[in-house]
């Protein structure tokens, strides 16, 4: 069977596709930062709990106070890029989720359980005693399982030629682990979360350490926790570089060739990304959290753009966003941007009030 016959027809869009592409990448970067912070910080807290290090430092307890809020921001900021992706690739993404429908429906349960576990870990941290390890382990497992499901769906949508497996297994339980790009891609994202989680820990304690060094009220051992966070950030970035190279080499030959000189734009982006990684490693091992954070955000923007170019290259034989019919209507975009601006102001205000309440407490 011709796999192209399995790809549904796309729907008309209200704006040229580039608008949705830019908004999708921009909102995805924000979601990615929160998502990686939540997962990476949760893993660090679990390591502290298992090794007993949380009895010596308040690192895990610090993370417990931030985890529920970070998870909430992860989910809320994940809505926009998912919707923009559905505008451009919804007819393809829908098929990939249907092929794994039994697992995809479980994502809702997994996220809810991660929420419950994170709130329990926060509000009952002291009363849980040794059980707190179980609480954070549940949260980490649920987040890892959720990332596995999303990676399965987003890689399966890239290969319509594999969709014919449904005729042999129409139960909605197909996975994509046999795809050469699946594991390097997933591990690349997981190690990125450890790096971002470590950097968030370092930034959280950097101001505390500076206040303490200036003789103001501070947190004992804050400087040591900055160093710990930067170690997580630096070494996880090294691992991420390894998995990133593996991911690049696992791409289809014609797609990989685009980044190896086949396309000037693709190749320049790859070189810029590698320069960003080198900058991150230098700043990380030097223990400079704020400059490292700036370099990280810039590098993530480049890598998110490369991610979209890979998706377009994989789907080029079946679908190109530029071929979508455009029925011009700008009012939804204006309404979205206005709502987004109001929402961002509200989020900033809520976070500021939470920070002030924390200081008063």
C-alpha atoms as a PDB file:
ATOM      1  CA  UNK A   1       0.000   0.000   0.000  1.00  0.00           C
ATOM      2  CA  UNK A   2       1.160   3.530  -0.781  1.00  0.00           C
ATOM      3  CA  UNK A   3       1.751   5.229   2.630  1.00  0.00           C
ATOM      4  CA  UNK A   4       0.753   8.586   1.123  1.00  0.00           C
ATOM      5  CA  UNK A   5      -2.797   7.230   0.833  1.00  0.00           C
ATOM      6  CA  UNK A   6      -2.903   6.960   4.643  1.00  0.00           C
ATOM      7  CA  UNK A   7      -2.159  10.657   5.216  1.00  0.00           C
ATOM      8  CA  UNK A   8      -5.445  12.595   5.650  1.00  0.00           C
ATOM      9  CA  UNK A   9      -6.069  15.828   3.804  1.00  0.00           C
ATOM     10  CA  UNK A  10      -5.119  18.983   5.692  1.00  0.00           C
ATOM     11  CA  UNK A  11      -7.639  21.677   6.609  1.00  0.00           C
ATOM     12  CA  UNK A  12      -7.488  25.305   5.413  1.00  0.00           C
ATOM     13  CA  UNK A  13      -5.699  27.764   7.717  1.00  0.00           C
ATOM     14  CA  UNK A  14      -6.552  31.396   8.440  1.00  0.00           C
ATOM     15  CA  UNK A  15      -3.024  32.799   8.077  1.00  0.00           C
ATOM     16  CA  UNK A  16       0.097  31.947   6.085  1.00  0.00           C
ATOM     17  CA  UNK A  17       1.686  28.894   7.713  1.00  0.00           C
ATOM     18  CA  UNK A  18       4.806  30.817   8.805  1.00  0.00           C
ATOM     19  CA  UNK A  19       2.817  32.653  11.481  1.00  0.00           C
ATOM     20  CA  UNK A  20       1.797  29.392  13.115  1.00  0.00           C
ATOM     21  CA  UNK A  21       5.304  27.968  12.755  1.00  0.00           C
ATOM     22  CA  UNK A  22       6.910  30.915  14.560  1.00  0.00           C
ATOM     23  CA  UNK A  23       4.291  30.916  17.317  1.00  0.00           C
ATOM     24  CA  UNK A  24       4.630  27.149  17.727  1.00  0.00           C
ATOM     25  CA  UNK A  25       8.408  27.295  18.128  1.00  0.00           C
ATOM     26  CA  UNK A  26       8.290  30.316  20.463  1.00  0.00           C
ATOM     27  CA  UNK A  27       5.682  28.818  22.793  1.00  0.00           C
ATOM     28  CA  UNK A  28       7.354  25.414  22.646  1.00  0.00           C
ATOM     29  CA  UNK A  29      10.623  26.924  23.910  1.00  0.00           C
ATOM     30  CA  UNK A  30       8.821  28.344  26.954  1.00  0.00           C
ATOM     31  CA  UNK A  31       7.077  25.023  27.586  1.00  0.00           C
ATOM     32  CA  UNK A  32      10.380  23.190  27.178  1.00  0.00           C
ATOM     33  CA  UNK A  33      12.100  25.327  29.811  1.00  0.00           C
ATOM     34  CA  UNK A  34       9.381  24.672  32.386  1.00  0.00           C
ATOM     35  CA  UNK A  35       9.084  20.982  31.480  1.00  0.00           C
ATOM     36  CA  UNK A  36      12.815  20.361  31.740  1.00  0.00           C
ATOM     37  CA  UNK A  37      12.987  22.275  35.010  1.00  0.00           C
ATOM     38  CA  UNK A  38      10.181  20.189  36.525  1.00  0.00           C
ATOM     39  CA  UNK A  39      11.507  16.791  35.424  1.00  0.00           C
ATOM     40  CA  UNK A  40      15.168  17.570  36.067  1.00  0.00           C
ATOM     41  CA  UNK A  41      14.529  19.036  39.514  1.00  0.00           C
ATOM     42  CA  UNK A  42      12.339  16.059  40.437  1.00  0.00           C
ATOM     43  CA  UNK A  43      15.108  13.641  39.437  1.00  0.00           C
ATOM     44  CA  UNK A  44      17.658  15.603  41.502  1.00  0.00           C
ATOM     45  CA  UNK A  45      15.308  15.516  44.506  1.00  0.00           C
ATOM     46  CA  UNK A  46      14.859  11.754  44.049  1.00  0.00           C
ATOM     47  CA  UNK A  47      18.627  11.224  43.935  1.00  0.00           C
ATOM     48  CA  UNK A  48      18.995  13.241  47.150  1.00  0.00           C
ATOM     49  CA  UNK A  49      16.260  11.233  48.802  1.00  0.00           C
ATOM     50  CA  UNK A  50      17.644   7.836  47.756  1.00  0.00           C
ATOM     51  CA  UNK A  51      21.238   8.665  48.701  1.00  0.00           C
ATOM     52  CA  UNK A  52      20.269  10.311  51.975  1.00  0.00           C
ATOM     53  CA  UNK A  53      21.814  13.624  50.939  1.00  0.00           C
ATOM     54  CA  UNK A  54      18.574  15.443  51.823  1.00  0.00           C
ATOM     55  CA  UNK A  55      19.387  14.839  55.494  1.00  0.00           C
ATOM     56  CA  UNK A  56      22.514  16.965  55.082  1.00  0.00           C
ATOM     57  CA  UNK A  57      21.210  19.743  52.819  1.00  0.00           C
ATOM     58  CA  UNK A  58      17.727  21.204  52.206  1.00  0.00           C
ATOM     59  CA  UNK A  59      18.038  20.772  48.429  1.00  0.00           C
ATOM     60  CA  UNK A  60      15.200  18.262  48.118  1.00  0.00           C
ATOM     61  CA  UNK A  61      12.965  20.310  50.384  1.00  0.00           C
ATOM     62  CA  UNK A  62      13.676  23.430  48.325  1.00  0.00           C
ATOM     63  CA  UNK A  63      12.674  21.550  45.192  1.00  0.00           C
ATOM     64  CA  UNK A  64       9.511  20.229  46.842  1.00  0.00           C
ATOM     65  CA  UNK A  65       8.269  23.796  47.348  1.00  0.00           C
ATOM     66  CA  UNK A  66       8.778  24.719  43.688  1.00  0.00           C
ATOM     67  CA  UNK A  67       7.716  21.490  41.973  1.00  0.00           C
ATOM     68  CA  UNK A  68       3.885  21.853  41.976  1.00  0.00           C
ATOM     69  CA  UNK A  69       4.050  25.391  40.565  1.00  0.00           C
ATOM     70  CA  UNK A  70       6.569  24.393  37.912  1.00  0.00           C
ATOM     71  CA  UNK A  71       4.404  21.432  36.871  1.00  0.00           C
ATOM     72  CA  UNK A  72       1.357  23.687  36.596  1.00  0.00           C
ATOM     73  CA  UNK A  73       3.277  26.128  34.395  1.00  0.00           C
ATOM     74  CA  UNK A  74       4.576  23.211  32.291  1.00  0.00           C
ATOM     75  CA  UNK A  75       1.070  21.982  31.521  1.00  0.00           C
ATOM     76  CA  UNK A  76      -0.424  25.415  30.885  1.00  0.00           C
ATOM     77  CA  UNK A  77       2.402  26.579  28.632  1.00  0.00           C
ATOM     78  CA  UNK A  78       2.239  23.265  26.790  1.00  0.00           C
ATOM     79  CA  UNK A  79      -1.271  23.954  25.505  1.00  0.00           C
ATOM     80  CA  UNK A  80      -0.290  26.666  23.006  1.00  0.00           C
ATOM     81  CA  UNK A  81       2.447  24.781  21.089  1.00  0.00           C
ATOM     82  CA  UNK A  82       0.241  21.679  20.998  1.00  0.00           C
ATOM     83  CA  UNK A  83      -2.615  23.687  19.484  1.00  0.00           C
ATOM     84  CA  UNK A  84      -0.345  25.358  16.927  1.00  0.00           C
ATOM     85  CA  UNK A  85       1.052  21.963  15.980  1.00  0.00           C
ATOM     86  CA  UNK A  86      -2.491  20.707  15.468  1.00  0.00           C
ATOM     87  CA  UNK A  87      -3.204  23.645  13.165  1.00  0.00           C
ATOM     88  CA  UNK A  88      -0.291  22.703  10.883  1.00  0.00           C
ATOM     89  CA  UNK A  89       0.107  18.960  11.462  1.00  0.00           C
ATOM     90  CA  UNK A  90      -3.142  17.975  13.175  1.00  0.00           C
ATOM     91  CA  UNK A  91      -4.234  15.620  10.407  1.00  0.00           C
ATOM     92  CA  UNK A  92      -0.936  13.714  10.811  1.00  0.00           C
ATOM     93  CA  UNK A  93      -0.573  13.997  14.590  1.00  0.00           C
ATOM     94  CA  UNK A  94      -4.134  12.689  14.986  1.00  0.00           C
ATOM     95  CA  UNK A  95      -3.254   9.493  13.124  1.00  0.00           C
ATOM     96  CA  UNK A  96      -0.113   8.882  15.203  1.00  0.00           C
ATOM     97  CA  UNK A  97      -2.061   9.253  18.446  1.00  0.00           C
ATOM     98  CA  UNK A  98      -4.773   6.901  17.210  1.00  0.00           C
ATOM     99  CA  UNK A  99      -2.184   4.227  16.438  1.00  0.00           C
ATOM    100  CA  UNK A 100      -1.157   4.324  20.116  1.00  0.00           C
ATOM    101  CA  UNK A 101      -4.554   5.389  21.478  1.00  0.00           C
ATOM    102  CA  UNK A 102      -4.499   3.058  24.494  1.00  0.00           C
ATOM    103  CA  UNK A 103      -1.253   4.589  25.702  1.00  0.00           C
ATOM    104  CA  UNK A 104      -2.108   8.117  24.608  1.00  0.00           C
ATOM    105  CA  UNK A 105      -5.271   8.198  26.742  1.00  0.00           C
ATOM    106  CA  UNK A 106      -3.137   7.168  29.716  1.00  0.00           C
ATOM    107  CA  UNK A 107      -1.226  10.471  29.487  1.00  0.00           C
ATOM    108  CA  UNK A 108      -4.074  12.255  31.278  1.00  0.00           C
ATOM    109  CA  UNK A 109      -3.888   9.810  34.185  1.00  0.00           C
ATOM    110  CA  UNK A 110      -0.093   9.991  34.292  1.00  0.00           C
ATOM    111  CA  UNK A 111      -0.068  13.795  34.529  1.00  0.00           C
ATOM    112  CA  UNK A 112      -2.771  13.808  37.224  1.00  0.00           C
ATOM    113  CA  UNK A 113      -0.833  11.268  39.297  1.00  0.00           C
ATOM    114  CA  UNK A 114       2.350  13.321  38.872  1.00  0.00           C
ATOM    115  CA  UNK A 115       0.436  16.352  40.147  1.00  0.00           C
ATOM    116  CA  UNK A 116      -0.888  14.498  43.193  1.00  0.00           C
ATOM    117  CA  UNK A 117       2.528  13.080  44.017  1.00  0.00           C
ATOM    118  CA  UNK A 118       4.224  16.489  43.720  1.00  0.00           C
ATOM    119  CA  UNK A 119       1.645  18.176  45.957  1.00  0.00           C
ATOM    120  CA  UNK A 120       1.942  15.370  48.491  1.00  0.00           C
ATOM    121  CA  UNK A 121       5.729  15.700  48.381  1.00  0.00           C
ATOM    122  CA  UNK A 122       5.415  19.426  49.023  1.00  0.00           C
ATOM    123  CA  UNK A 123       2.646  19.722  51.615  1.00  0.00           C
ATOM    124  CA  UNK A 124       3.561  16.608  53.614  1.00  0.00           C
ATOM    125  CA  UNK A 125       7.323  16.686  53.167  1.00  0.00           C
ATOM    126  CA  UNK A 126       8.222  16.539  56.871  1.00  0.00           C
ATOM    127  CA  UNK A 127       5.369  14.274  57.924  1.00  0.00           C
ATOM    128  CA  UNK A 128       6.096  11.708  55.199  1.00  0.00           C
ATOM    129  CA  UNK A 129       9.492  10.832  56.640  1.00  0.00           C
ATOM    130  CA  UNK A 130      11.010   7.960  54.679  1.00  0.00           C
ATOM    131  CA  UNK A 131       7.840   7.742  52.547  1.00  0.00           C
ATOM    132  CA  UNK A 132       8.786  10.972  50.814  1.00  0.00           C
ATOM    133  CA  UNK A 133      11.144   8.942  48.604  1.00  0.00           C
ATOM    134  CA  UNK A 134       8.157   6.989  47.308  1.00  0.00           C
ATOM    135  CA  UNK A 135       6.206  10.200  46.654  1.00  0.00           C
ATOM    136  CA  UNK A 136       8.921  11.815  44.549  1.00  0.00           C
ATOM    137  CA  UNK A 137       9.678   8.491  42.825  1.00  0.00           C
ATOM    138  CA  UNK A 138       6.043   8.268  41.716  1.00  0.00           C
ATOM    139  CA  UNK A 139       6.181  11.829  40.376  1.00  0.00           C
ATOM    140  CA  UNK A 140       9.398  11.118  38.450  1.00  0.00           C
ATOM    141  CA  UNK A 141       8.079   7.848  37.016  1.00  0.00           C
ATOM    142  CA  UNK A 142       4.842   9.471  35.841  1.00  0.00           C
ATOM    143  CA  UNK A 143       6.742  12.321  34.192  1.00  0.00           C
ATOM    144  CA  UNK A 144       9.135   9.904  32.493  1.00  0.00           C
ATOM    145  CA  UNK A 145       6.219   7.806  31.244  1.00  0.00           C
ATOM    146  CA  UNK A 146       4.510  10.930  29.905  1.00  0.00           C
ATOM    147  CA  UNK A 147       7.655  11.973  28.052  1.00  0.00           C
ATOM    148  CA  UNK A 148       7.900   8.456  26.603  1.00  0.00           C
ATOM    149  CA  UNK A 149       4.340   8.687  25.247  1.00  0.00           C
ATOM    150  CA  UNK A 150       4.892  12.103  23.713  1.00  0.00           C
ATOM    151  CA  UNK A 151       8.149  10.969  22.102  1.00  0.00           C
ATOM    152  CA  UNK A 152       6.375   7.932  20.710  1.00  0.00           C
ATOM    153  CA  UNK A 153       3.628  10.008  19.126  1.00  0.00           C
ATOM    154  CA  UNK A 154       5.841  12.784  17.774  1.00  0.00           C
ATOM    155  CA  UNK A 155       8.271  10.316  16.165  1.00  0.00           C
ATOM    156  CA  UNK A 156       5.540   8.044  14.802  1.00  0.00           C
ATOM    157  CA  UNK A 157       3.958  10.977  12.988  1.00  0.00           C
ATOM    158  CA  UNK A 158       7.211  11.476  11.069  1.00  0.00           C
ATOM    159  CA  UNK A 159       7.025   8.073   9.368  1.00  0.00           C
ATOM    160  CA  UNK A 160       3.684   7.424   7.639  1.00  0.00           C
ATOM    161  CA  UNK A 161       5.323   4.435   5.965  1.00  0.00           C
ATOM    162  CA  UNK A 162       5.167   2.632   9.338  1.00  0.00           C
ATOM    163  CA  UNK A 163       1.455   3.247   9.788  1.00  0.00           C
ATOM    164  CA  UNK A 164       0.610   0.126   7.802  1.00  0.00           C
ATOM    165  CA  UNK A 165       1.411  -1.830  10.992  1.00  0.00           C
ATOM    166  CA  UNK A 166      -2.092  -0.882  12.132  1.00  0.00           C
ATOM    167  CA  UNK A 167      -3.589  -3.456   9.757  1.00  0.00           C
ATOM    168  CA  UNK A 168      -1.845  -6.188  11.768  1.00  0.00           C
ATOM    169  CA  UNK A 169      -2.521  -4.579  15.155  1.00  0.00           C
ATOM    170  CA  UNK A 170      -5.627  -2.348  15.187  1.00  0.00           C
ATOM    171  CA  UNK A 171      -5.856  -2.283  19.013  1.00  0.00           C
ATOM    172  CA  UNK A 172      -4.252   1.141  19.494  1.00  0.00           C
ATOM    173  CA  UNK A 173      -1.174  -0.281  21.208  1.00  0.00           C
ATOM    174  CA  UNK A 174       1.522   0.441  18.627  1.00  0.00           C
ATOM    175  CA  UNK A 175       4.816   1.898  19.815  1.00  0.00           C
ATOM    176  CA  UNK A 176       7.709   3.360  17.852  1.00  0.00           C
ATOM    177  CA  UNK A 177      10.737   2.022  19.720  1.00  0.00           C
ATOM    178  CA  UNK A 178      12.079   0.289  16.595  1.00  0.00           C
ATOM    179  CA  UNK A 179      12.595   3.655  14.906  1.00  0.00           C
ATOM    180  CA  UNK A 180      16.360   4.446  14.901  1.00  0.00           C
ATOM    181  CA  UNK A 181      15.732   8.019  16.068  1.00  0.00           C
ATOM    182  CA  UNK A 182      13.452   7.155  18.992  1.00  0.00           C
ATOM    183  CA  UNK A 183      15.869   6.367  21.819  1.00  0.00           C
ATOM    184  CA  UNK A 184      18.585   8.940  20.995  1.00  0.00           C
ATOM    185  CA  UNK A 185      15.895  11.616  20.643  1.00  0.00           C
ATOM    186  CA  UNK A 186      14.183  10.663  23.905  1.00  0.00           C
ATOM    187  CA  UNK A 187      17.464  10.395  25.823  1.00  0.00           C
ATOM    188  CA  UNK A 188      18.584  13.719  24.351  1.00  0.00           C
ATOM    189  CA  UNK A 189      15.528  15.369  25.885  1.00  0.00           C
ATOM    190  CA  UNK A 190      15.893  13.550  29.208  1.00  0.00           C
ATOM    191  CA  UNK A 191      19.505  14.603  29.708  1.00  0.00           C
ATOM    192  CA  UNK A 192      18.464  18.147  28.763  1.00  0.00           C
ATOM    193  CA  UNK A 193      16.006  18.076  31.664  1.00  0.00           C
ATOM    194  CA  UNK A 194      18.781  17.125  34.090  1.00  0.00           C
ATOM    195  CA  UNK A 195      20.859  20.030  32.816  1.00  0.00           C
ATOM    196  CA  UNK A 196      18.035  22.564  33.089  1.00  0.00           C
ATOM    197  CA  UNK A 197      16.959  21.211  36.482  1.00  0.00           C
ATOM    198  CA  UNK A 198      20.508  21.604  37.772  1.00  0.00           C
ATOM    199  CA  UNK A 199      20.749  25.124  36.382  1.00  0.00           C
ATOM    200  CA  UNK A 200      17.434  26.046  38.018  1.00  0.00           C
ATOM    201  CA  UNK A 201      18.802  24.773  41.347  1.00  0.00           C
ATOM    202  CA  UNK A 202      21.935  26.903  40.893  1.00  0.00           C
ATOM    203  CA  UNK A 203      19.959  30.039  40.013  1.00  0.00           C
ATOM    204  CA  UNK A 204      17.588  29.484  42.943  1.00  0.00           C
ATOM    205  CA  UNK A 205      20.531  29.532  45.343  1.00  0.00           C
ATOM    206  CA  UNK A 206      22.743  32.128  43.625  1.00  0.00           C
ATOM    207  CA  UNK A 207      20.906  35.139  45.093  1.00  0.00           C
ATOM    208  CA  UNK A 208      20.772  33.450  48.489  1.00  0.00           C
ATOM    209  CA  UNK A 209      24.523  32.873  48.366  1.00  0.00           C
ATOM    210  CA  UNK A 210      25.209  36.477  47.390  1.00  0.00           C
ATOM    211  CA  UNK A 211      23.031  37.799  50.238  1.00  0.00           C
ATOM    212  CA  UNK A 212      24.839  35.515  52.646  1.00  0.00           C
ATOM    213  CA  UNK A 213      28.234  36.650  51.401  1.00  0.00           C
ATOM    214  CA  UNK A 214      27.197  40.304  51.840  1.00  0.00           C
ATOM    215  CA  UNK A 215      26.236  39.637  55.423  1.00  0.00           C
ATOM    216  CA  UNK A 216      22.467  39.709  54.850  1.00  0.00           C
ATOM    217  CA  UNK A 217      20.031  36.991  55.813  1.00  0.00           C
ATOM    218  CA  UNK A 218      20.785  33.993  53.664  1.00  0.00           C
ATOM    219  CA  UNK A 219      20.547  30.229  53.502  1.00  0.00           C
ATOM    220  CA  UNK A 220      23.360  28.181  54.992  1.00  0.00           C
ATOM    221  CA  UNK A 221      25.183  26.211  52.333  1.00  0.00           C
ATOM    222  CA  UNK A 222      23.629  28.144  49.426  1.00  0.00           C
ATOM    223  CA  UNK A 223      26.967  28.463  47.642  1.00  0.00           C
ATOM    224  CA  UNK A 224      27.509  24.699  47.905  1.00  0.00           C
ATOM    225  CA  UNK A 225      24.094  24.136  46.312  1.00  0.00           C
ATOM    226  CA  UNK A 226      25.006  26.527  43.493  1.00  0.00           C
ATOM    227  CA  UNK A 227      28.075  24.400  42.800  1.00  0.00           C
ATOM    228  CA  UNK A 228      26.003  21.228  42.947  1.00  0.00           C
ATOM    229  CA  UNK A 229      23.464  22.616  40.501  1.00  0.00           C
ATOM    230  CA  UNK A 230      26.186  23.681  38.078  1.00  0.00           C
ATOM    231  CA  UNK A 231      27.728  20.206  38.246  1.00  0.00           C
ATOM    232  CA  UNK A 232      24.396  18.675  37.272  1.00  0.00           C
ATOM    233  CA  UNK A 233      24.071  21.248  34.499  1.00  0.00           C
ATOM    234  CA  UNK A 234      27.572  20.788  33.116  1.00  0.00           C
ATOM    235  CA  UNK A 235      27.835  17.003  33.127  1.00  0.00           C
ATOM    236  CA  UNK A 236      24.267  16.516  31.884  1.00  0.00           C
ATOM    237  CA  UNK A 237      25.122  18.907  29.026  1.00  0.00           C
ATOM    238  CA  UNK A 238      28.088  16.679  28.166  1.00  0.00           C
ATOM    239  CA  UNK A 239      25.778  13.652  28.076  1.00  0.00           C
ATOM    240  CA  UNK A 240      23.250  15.622  26.048  1.00  0.00           C
ATOM    241  CA  UNK A 241      25.947  16.406  23.464  1.00  0.00           C
ATOM    242  CA  UNK A 242      26.671  12.679  23.111  1.00  0.00           C
ATOM    243  CA  UNK A 243      22.985  11.796  22.644  1.00  0.00           C
ATOM    244  CA  UNK A 244      22.533  14.748  20.292  1.00  0.00           C
ATOM    245  CA  UNK A 245      25.293  13.453  18.000  1.00  0.00           C
ATOM    246  CA  UNK A 246      23.738   9.968  18.174  1.00  0.00           C
ATOM    247  CA  UNK A 247      20.368  11.504  17.272  1.00  0.00           C
ATOM    248  CA  UNK A 248      21.885  13.366  14.308  1.00  0.00           C
ATOM    249  CA  UNK A 249      23.573  10.223  12.984  1.00  0.00           C
ATOM    250  CA  UNK A 250      20.307   8.260  13.389  1.00  0.00           C
ATOM    251  CA  UNK A 251      18.358  10.536  11.062  1.00  0.00           C
ATOM    252  CA  UNK A 252      17.462   9.361   7.598  1.00  0.00           C
ATOM    253  CA  UNK A 253      20.417   9.807   5.273  1.00  0.00           C
ATOM    254  CA  UNK A 254      18.725  12.455   3.150  1.00  0.00           C
ATOM    255  CA  UNK A 255      17.665  14.419   6.252  1.00  0.00           C
ATOM    256  CA  UNK A 256      21.064  14.189   7.941  1.00  0.00           C
ATOM    257  CA  UNK A 257      22.715  15.326   4.709  1.00  0.00           C
ATOM    258  CA  UNK A 258      20.842  18.649   4.955  1.00  0.00           C
ATOM    259  CA  UNK A 259      22.746  19.457   8.163  1.00  0.00           C
ATOM    260  CA  UNK A 260      26.039  18.177   6.747  1.00  0.00           C
ATOM    261  CA  UNK A 261      26.376  20.689   3.933  1.00  0.00           C
ATOM    262  CA  UNK A 262      23.363  19.730   1.840  1.00  0.00           C
ATOM    263  CA  UNK A 263      21.595  22.951   2.817  1.00  0.00           C
ATOM    264  CA  UNK A 264      23.370  26.141   3.853  1.00  0.00           C
ATOM    265  CA  UNK A 265      20.599  27.164   6.240  1.00  0.00           C
ATOM    266  CA  UNK A 266      20.418  23.770   7.952  1.00  0.00           C
ATOM    267  CA  UNK A 267      24.209  23.523   8.240  1.00  0.00           C
ATOM    268  CA  UNK A 268      24.589  27.041   9.668  1.00  0.00           C
ATOM    269  CA  UNK A 269      21.957  26.279  12.307  1.00  0.00           C
ATOM    270  CA  UNK A 270      23.827  23.113  13.297  1.00  0.00           C
ATOM    271  CA  UNK A 271      27.085  25.039  13.628  1.00  0.00           C
ATOM    272  CA  UNK A 272      25.391  27.738  15.689  1.00  0.00           C
ATOM    273  CA  UNK A 273      23.884  25.055  17.935  1.00  0.00           C
ATOM    274  CA  UNK A 274      27.297  23.439  18.442  1.00  0.00           C
ATOM    275  CA  UNK A 275      28.795  26.835  19.273  1.00  0.00           C
ATOM    276  CA  UNK A 276      25.991  27.333  21.776  1.00  0.00           C
ATOM    277  CA  UNK A 277      26.703  23.962  23.377  1.00  0.00           C
ATOM    278  CA  UNK A 278      30.409  24.817  23.626  1.00  0.00           C
ATOM    279  CA  UNK A 279      29.524  28.130  25.293  1.00  0.00           C
ATOM    280  CA  UNK A 280      27.196  26.351  27.702  1.00  0.00           C
ATOM    281  CA  UNK A 281      29.895  23.873  28.698  1.00  0.00           C
ATOM    282  CA  UNK A 282      32.486  26.593  29.266  1.00  0.00           C
ATOM    283  CA  UNK A 283      30.121  28.707  31.385  1.00  0.00           C
ATOM    284  CA  UNK A 284      28.838  25.634  33.202  1.00  0.00           C
ATOM    285  CA  UNK A 285      32.235  24.372  34.310  1.00  0.00           C
ATOM    286  CA  UNK A 286      33.217  27.928  35.256  1.00  0.00           C
ATOM    287  CA  UNK A 287      30.199  28.070  37.569  1.00  0.00           C
ATOM    288  CA  UNK A 288      28.453  31.079  36.005  1.00  0.00           C
ATOM    289  CA  UNK A 289      24.707  30.345  36.288  1.00  0.00           C
ATOM    290  CA  UNK A 290      23.243  33.549  34.835  1.00  0.00           C
ATOM    291  CA  UNK A 291      25.419  33.714  31.691  1.00  0.00           C
ATOM    292  CA  UNK A 292      24.899  29.963  31.283  1.00  0.00           C
ATOM    293  CA  UNK A 293      21.122  30.497  31.463  1.00  0.00           C
ATOM    294  CA  UNK A 294      21.279  33.136  28.711  1.00  0.00           C
ATOM    295  CA  UNK A 295      23.365  30.826  26.508  1.00  0.00           C
ATOM    296  CA  UNK A 296      20.995  27.950  27.246  1.00  0.00           C
ATOM    297  CA  UNK A 297      17.867  29.861  26.186  1.00  0.00           C
ATOM    298  CA  UNK A 298      19.535  31.015  22.957  1.00  0.00           C
ATOM    299  CA  UNK A 299      20.720  27.478  22.167  1.00  0.00           C
ATOM    300  CA  UNK A 300      17.294  25.985  22.879  1.00  0.00           C
ATOM    301  CA  UNK A 301      15.734  28.465  20.436  1.00  0.00           C
ATOM    302  CA  UNK A 302      18.150  27.285  17.739  1.00  0.00           C
ATOM    303  CA  UNK A 303      17.583  23.606  18.524  1.00  0.00           C
ATOM    304  CA  UNK A 304      13.800  24.036  18.553  1.00  0.00           C
ATOM    305  CA  UNK A 305      14.065  25.545  15.075  1.00  0.00           C
ATOM    306  CA  UNK A 306      16.224  22.607  13.953  1.00  0.00           C
ATOM    307  CA  UNK A 307      13.610  20.245  15.375  1.00  0.00           C
ATOM    308  CA  UNK A 308      10.973  21.791  13.121  1.00  0.00           C
ATOM    309  CA  UNK A 309      13.266  21.563  10.097  1.00  0.00           C
ATOM    310  CA  UNK A 310      13.778  17.853  10.799  1.00  0.00           C
ATOM    311  CA  UNK A 311      10.015  17.344  11.029  1.00  0.00           C
ATOM    312  CA  UNK A 312       9.416  19.156   7.734  1.00  0.00           C
ATOM    313  CA  UNK A 313      12.173  17.167   6.026  1.00  0.00           C
ATOM    314  CA  UNK A 314      10.724  13.845   7.221  1.00  0.00           C
ATOM    315  CA  UNK A 315       7.215  14.757   6.099  1.00  0.00           C
ATOM    316  CA  UNK A 316       8.227  16.420   2.816  1.00  0.00           C
ATOM    317  CA  UNK A 317       7.325  13.361   0.668  1.00  0.00           C
ATOM    318  CA  UNK A 318       3.789  13.406   2.098  1.00  0.00           C
ATOM    319  CA  UNK A 319       2.964  16.942   3.200  1.00  0.00           C
ATOM    320  CA  UNK A 320       4.345  20.494   3.152  1.00  0.00           C
ATOM    321  CA  UNK A 321       2.820  23.255   5.329  1.00  0.00           C
ATOM    322  CA  UNK A 322       3.401  25.725   2.501  1.00  0.00           C
ATOM    323  CA  UNK A 323       0.877  23.831   0.376  1.00  0.00           C
ATOM    324  CA  UNK A 324      -1.967  24.397   2.850  1.00  0.00           C
ATOM    325  CA  UNK A 325      -4.918  26.437   1.631  1.00  0.00           C
ATOM    326  CA  UNK A 326      -5.119  29.886   3.265  1.00  0.00           C
ATOM    327  CA  UNK A 327      -8.464  31.533   4.009  1.00  0.00           C
ATOM    328  CA  UNK A 328      -7.365  34.926   5.344  1.00  0.00           C
ATOM    329  CA  UNK A 329      -8.832  35.863   8.713  1.00  0.00           C
ATOM    330  CA  UNK A 330      -6.653  37.866  11.104  1.00  0.00           C
ATOM    331  CA  UNK A 331      -9.092  38.476  13.970  1.00  0.00           C
ATOM    332  CA  UNK A 332      -8.354  35.097  15.698  1.00  0.00           C
ATOM    333  CA  UNK A 333      -4.630  35.958  15.762  1.00  0.00           C
ATOM    334  CA  UNK A 334      -5.317  39.403  17.233  1.00  0.00           C
ATOM    335  CA  UNK A 335      -7.576  37.861  19.879  1.00  0.00           C
ATOM    336  CA  UNK A 336      -4.976  35.203  20.685  1.00  0.00           C
ATOM    337  CA  UNK A 337      -2.133  37.708  21.057  1.00  0.00           C
ATOM    338  CA  UNK A 338      -4.266  39.968  23.264  1.00  0.00           C
ATOM    339  CA  UNK A 339      -5.303  37.024  25.437  1.00  0.00           C
ATOM    340  CA  UNK A 340      -1.704  35.839  25.612  1.00  0.00           C
ATOM    341  CA  UNK A 341      -0.514  39.255  26.776  1.00  0.00           C
ATOM    342  CA  UNK A 342      -3.182  39.427  29.488  1.00  0.00           C
ATOM    343  CA  UNK A 343      -2.411  35.851  30.534  1.00  0.00           C
ATOM    344  CA  UNK A 344       1.317  36.514  30.817  1.00  0.00           C
ATOM    345  CA  UNK A 345       0.683  39.606  32.953  1.00  0.00           C
ATOM    346  CA  UNK A 346      -1.601  37.534  35.198  1.00  0.00           C
ATOM    347  CA  UNK A 347       0.973  34.744  35.523  1.00  0.00           C
ATOM    348  CA  UNK A 348       3.751  37.200  36.404  1.00  0.00           C
ATOM    349  CA  UNK A 349       1.511  38.860  39.008  1.00  0.00           C
ATOM    350  CA  UNK A 350       0.563  35.506  40.580  1.00  0.00           C
ATOM    351  CA  UNK A 351       4.202  34.375  40.726  1.00  0.00           C
ATOM    352  CA  UNK A 352       5.202  37.701  42.295  1.00  0.00           C
ATOM    353  CA  UNK A 353       2.484  37.379  44.941  1.00  0.00           C
ATOM    354  CA  UNK A 354       3.601  33.815  45.652  1.00  0.00           C
ATOM    355  CA  UNK A 355       7.210  34.987  46.032  1.00  0.00           C
ATOM    356  CA  UNK A 356       6.179  37.776  48.412  1.00  0.00           C
ATOM    357  CA  UNK A 357       4.087  35.359  50.456  1.00  0.00           C
ATOM    358  CA  UNK A 358       7.048  33.011  50.642  1.00  0.00           C
ATOM    359  CA  UNK A 359       9.303  35.765  51.994  1.00  0.00           C
ATOM    360  CA  UNK A 360       6.725  36.783  54.575  1.00  0.00           C
ATOM    361  CA  UNK A 361       6.398  33.129  55.607  1.00  0.00           C
END
